[in-house]
Amino acid sequence: MYNALMATKKKPQNTDNTIARNRKARHEFFIEEKFEAGLVLEGWEVKSLREGKAQLSDSYVLIRHGEAWLANALVTALKTASTHVVPEPQRDRKLLLNRNELNKLIGAVERKGYTLIPLAMYWKRGKAKVEIALAKGKQMHDKRATMKERDWQRDKERLFKNI
């Protein structure tokens, strides 16, 4: 009886599997569509990501030879990295997308003037994933309008709360 009760209890799962976020992305771009892509990593990179040593702030996605690559993403090597491996923190990492998604992205980037940016890096079932977005850049007046709208929403909430 005791063993049956113990078997039904589950370990509390960590709900936040996020490794890194690109916080500037929503301020700098209009997000049109999001995609989830796998990430090809080396062993030392996986260990660094488990420790949360990644930054996406200045990174972007390139389309090269019909493949998607994550460029300029910083994955800092741990101090305990192997001595026979030379870590390269900002190397281009291949993104794993299916052919239909790649064709859609290639068409949008080449013909319609969109850009591809990473929004977040996270763990999903033990595998590193990157959420990339098809986006258009914002002009300065668009950024001002977004900030003005956000301030108005905040003030409106404050007014309704006081009433």
Protein backbone atom coordinates (compact mmCIF):
# COMPACT_ATOMS: atom_id res chain seq x y z
CA MET A 1 0.00 0.00 0.00
CA TYR A 2 2.78 2.41 0.91
CA ASN A 3 4.68 1.74 -2.34
CA ALA A 4 1.56 2.42 -4.44
CA LEU A 5 1.16 5.84 -2.81
CA MET A 6 4.80 6.69 -3.34
CA ALA A 7 4.58 5.79 -7.02
CA THR A 8 1.72 8.22 -7.66
CA LYS A 9 3.61 11.24 -6.34
CA LYS A 10 5.45 13.14 -9.02
CA LYS A 11 8.39 15.44 -8.67
CA PRO A 12 7.51 19.10 -9.03
CA GLN A 13 8.60 20.14 -12.51
CA ASN A 14 10.38 23.37 -13.27
CA THR A 15 7.87 25.32 -15.35
CA ASP A 16 10.36 27.92 -16.56
CA ASN A 17 12.67 26.21 -19.04
CA THR A 18 13.90 29.47 -20.54
CA ILE A 19 17.64 29.76 -21.08
CA ALA A 20 17.78 33.27 -22.60
CA ARG A 21 15.42 35.92 -23.97
CA ASN A 22 15.91 38.67 -26.51
CA ARG A 23 14.19 41.50 -24.64
CA LYS A 24 14.98 44.18 -27.22
CA ALA A 25 13.29 42.25 -30.04
CA ARG A 26 9.72 43.38 -29.33
CA HIS A 27 10.87 46.98 -28.95
CA GLU A 28 12.87 47.02 -32.20
CA PHE A 29 10.62 44.91 -34.47
CA PHE A 30 7.01 44.16 -35.38
CA ILE A 31 6.64 40.40 -34.83
CA GLU A 32 4.64 38.81 -37.68
CA GLU A 33 4.98 35.05 -37.17
CA LYS A 34 6.85 32.75 -34.78
CA PHE A 35 8.62 29.43 -35.44
CA GLU A 36 10.27 26.87 -33.19
CA ALA A 37 13.63 25.53 -34.35
CA GLY A 38 15.99 22.94 -32.97
CA LEU A 39 19.61 23.86 -32.37
CA VAL A 40 22.76 21.93 -33.33
CA LEU A 41 25.20 22.20 -30.41
CA GLU A 42 28.53 20.86 -29.27
CA GLY A 43 28.94 19.18 -25.89
CA TRP A 44 30.48 22.14 -24.08
CA GLU A 45 27.65 24.37 -25.37
CA VAL A 46 25.00 22.11 -23.86
CA LYS A 47 26.71 22.28 -20.48
CA SER A 48 26.94 26.07 -20.71
CA LEU A 49 23.27 26.35 -21.66
CA ARG A 50 22.30 24.20 -18.67
CA GLU A 51 24.09 26.78 -16.51
CA GLY A 52 22.25 29.62 -18.32
CA LYS A 53 25.36 31.13 -19.95
CA ALA A 54 23.73 32.42 -23.17
CA GLN A 55 22.82 35.80 -24.63
CA LEU A 56 20.59 36.56 -27.62
CA SER A 57 20.65 40.36 -27.46
CA ASP A 58 22.57 41.07 -30.69
CA SER A 59 21.89 37.83 -32.52
CA TYR A 60 20.03 37.25 -35.76
CA VAL A 61 19.15 34.39 -38.13
CA LEU A 62 20.83 33.97 -41.52
CA ILE A 63 19.61 31.94 -44.47
CA ARG A 64 22.67 30.43 -46.17
CA HIS A 65 22.56 27.72 -48.89
CA GLY A 66 18.95 26.85 -48.06
CA GLU A 67 19.69 26.40 -44.34
CA ALA A 68 18.98 28.60 -41.32
CA TRP A 69 21.85 29.63 -39.03
CA LEU A 70 21.80 31.41 -35.68
CA ALA A 71 24.51 34.08 -35.87
CA ASN A 72 26.14 36.20 -33.18
CA ALA A 73 24.52 34.37 -30.25
CA LEU A 74 26.90 34.29 -27.31
CA VAL A 75 27.32 31.01 -25.42
CA THR A 76 30.02 31.49 -22.81
CA ALA A 77 32.18 28.46 -22.06
CA LEU A 78 32.38 27.19 -18.50
CA LYS A 79 35.66 27.24 -16.61
CA THR A 80 35.49 23.45 -16.40
CA ALA A 81 35.39 22.99 -20.20
CA SER A 82 37.63 20.31 -21.61
CA THR A 83 41.23 21.23 -22.39
CA HIS A 84 41.29 19.57 -25.81
CA VAL A 85 38.29 21.53 -27.11
CA VAL A 86 38.74 25.15 -28.13
CA PRO A 87 35.40 26.86 -27.40
CA GLU A 88 34.22 29.50 -29.86
CA PRO A 89 31.55 31.55 -28.01
CA GLN A 90 29.99 33.33 -31.02
CA ARG A 91 30.12 30.70 -33.75
CA ASP A 92 27.20 30.24 -36.16
CA ARG A 93 24.90 27.44 -35.03
CA LYS A 94 22.66 25.54 -37.41
CA LEU A 95 18.90 25.71 -36.84
CA LEU A 96 16.76 22.67 -37.53
CA LEU A 97 13.54 23.48 -39.38
CA ASN A 98 11.46 21.40 -41.75
CA ARG A 99 11.59 22.14 -45.49
CA ASN A 100 8.17 23.84 -45.65
CA GLU A 101 9.10 26.27 -42.86
CA LEU A 102 12.46 26.99 -44.49
CA ASN A 103 10.84 27.69 -47.87
CA LYS A 104 8.35 30.06 -46.23
CA LEU A 105 11.13 31.90 -44.39
CA ILE A 106 13.37 32.12 -47.46
CA GLY A 107 10.52 33.59 -49.52
CA ALA A 108 9.61 36.15 -46.88
CA VAL A 109 13.19 37.28 -46.28
CA GLU A 110 14.21 37.53 -49.93
CA ARG A 111 11.03 38.94 -51.49
CA LYS A 112 9.07 40.76 -48.81
CA GLY A 113 11.87 42.46 -46.86
CA TYR A 114 11.37 40.68 -43.55
CA THR A 115 14.14 39.76 -41.16
CA LEU A 116 14.56 36.76 -38.87
CA ILE A 117 15.35 37.27 -35.21
CA PRO A 118 15.58 34.91 -32.23
CA LEU A 119 13.14 35.69 -29.43
CA ALA A 120 13.99 33.05 -26.83
CA MET A 121 16.09 29.98 -26.21
CA TYR A 122 14.62 27.25 -24.00
CA TRP A 123 14.59 23.54 -23.15
CA LYS A 124 11.85 21.29 -24.47
CA ARG A 125 11.96 17.58 -23.58
CA GLY A 126 15.70 17.80 -22.93
CA LYS A 127 16.50 19.47 -26.25
CA ALA A 128 17.55 23.07 -26.82
CA LYS A 129 15.05 25.02 -28.92
CA VAL A 130 15.05 28.56 -30.30
CA GLU A 131 11.92 30.57 -30.94
CA ILE A 132 12.55 32.65 -34.06
CA ALA A 133 10.29 35.31 -35.47
CA LEU A 134 9.61 36.72 -38.89
CA ALA A 135 9.74 40.44 -38.20
CA LYS A 136 9.82 43.90 -39.75
CA GLY A 137 11.91 46.68 -38.26
CA LYS A 138 10.24 49.56 -36.46
CA GLN A 139 10.91 53.18 -37.31
CA MET A 140 11.50 55.68 -34.51
CA HIS A 141 7.92 57.03 -34.74
CA ASP A 142 6.58 53.47 -34.41
CA LYS A 143 8.59 52.96 -31.21
CA ARG A 144 7.23 56.22 -29.82
CA ALA A 145 3.67 55.19 -30.65
CA THR A 146 4.19 51.83 -28.93
CA MET A 147 5.53 53.51 -25.79
CA LYS A 148 2.65 56.00 -25.81
CA GLU A 149 0.10 53.15 -26.11
CA ARG A 150 1.78 51.23 -23.27
CA ASP A 151 1.72 54.33 -21.03
CA TRP A 152 -1.96 54.90 -21.82
CA GLN A 153 -2.83 51.28 -20.97
CA ARG A 154 -0.98 51.62 -17.65
CA ASP A 155 -2.78 54.89 -16.82
CA LYS A 156 -6.13 53.39 -17.80
CA GLU A 157 -5.56 50.42 -15.46
CA ARG A 158 -4.65 52.84 -12.67
CA LEU A 159 -7.83 54.86 -13.24
CA PHE A 160 -10.08 51.80 -13.23
CA LYS A 161 -8.37 50.49 -10.11
CA ASN A 162 -9.08 53.76 -8.24
CA ILE A 163 -12.74 53.80 -9.25
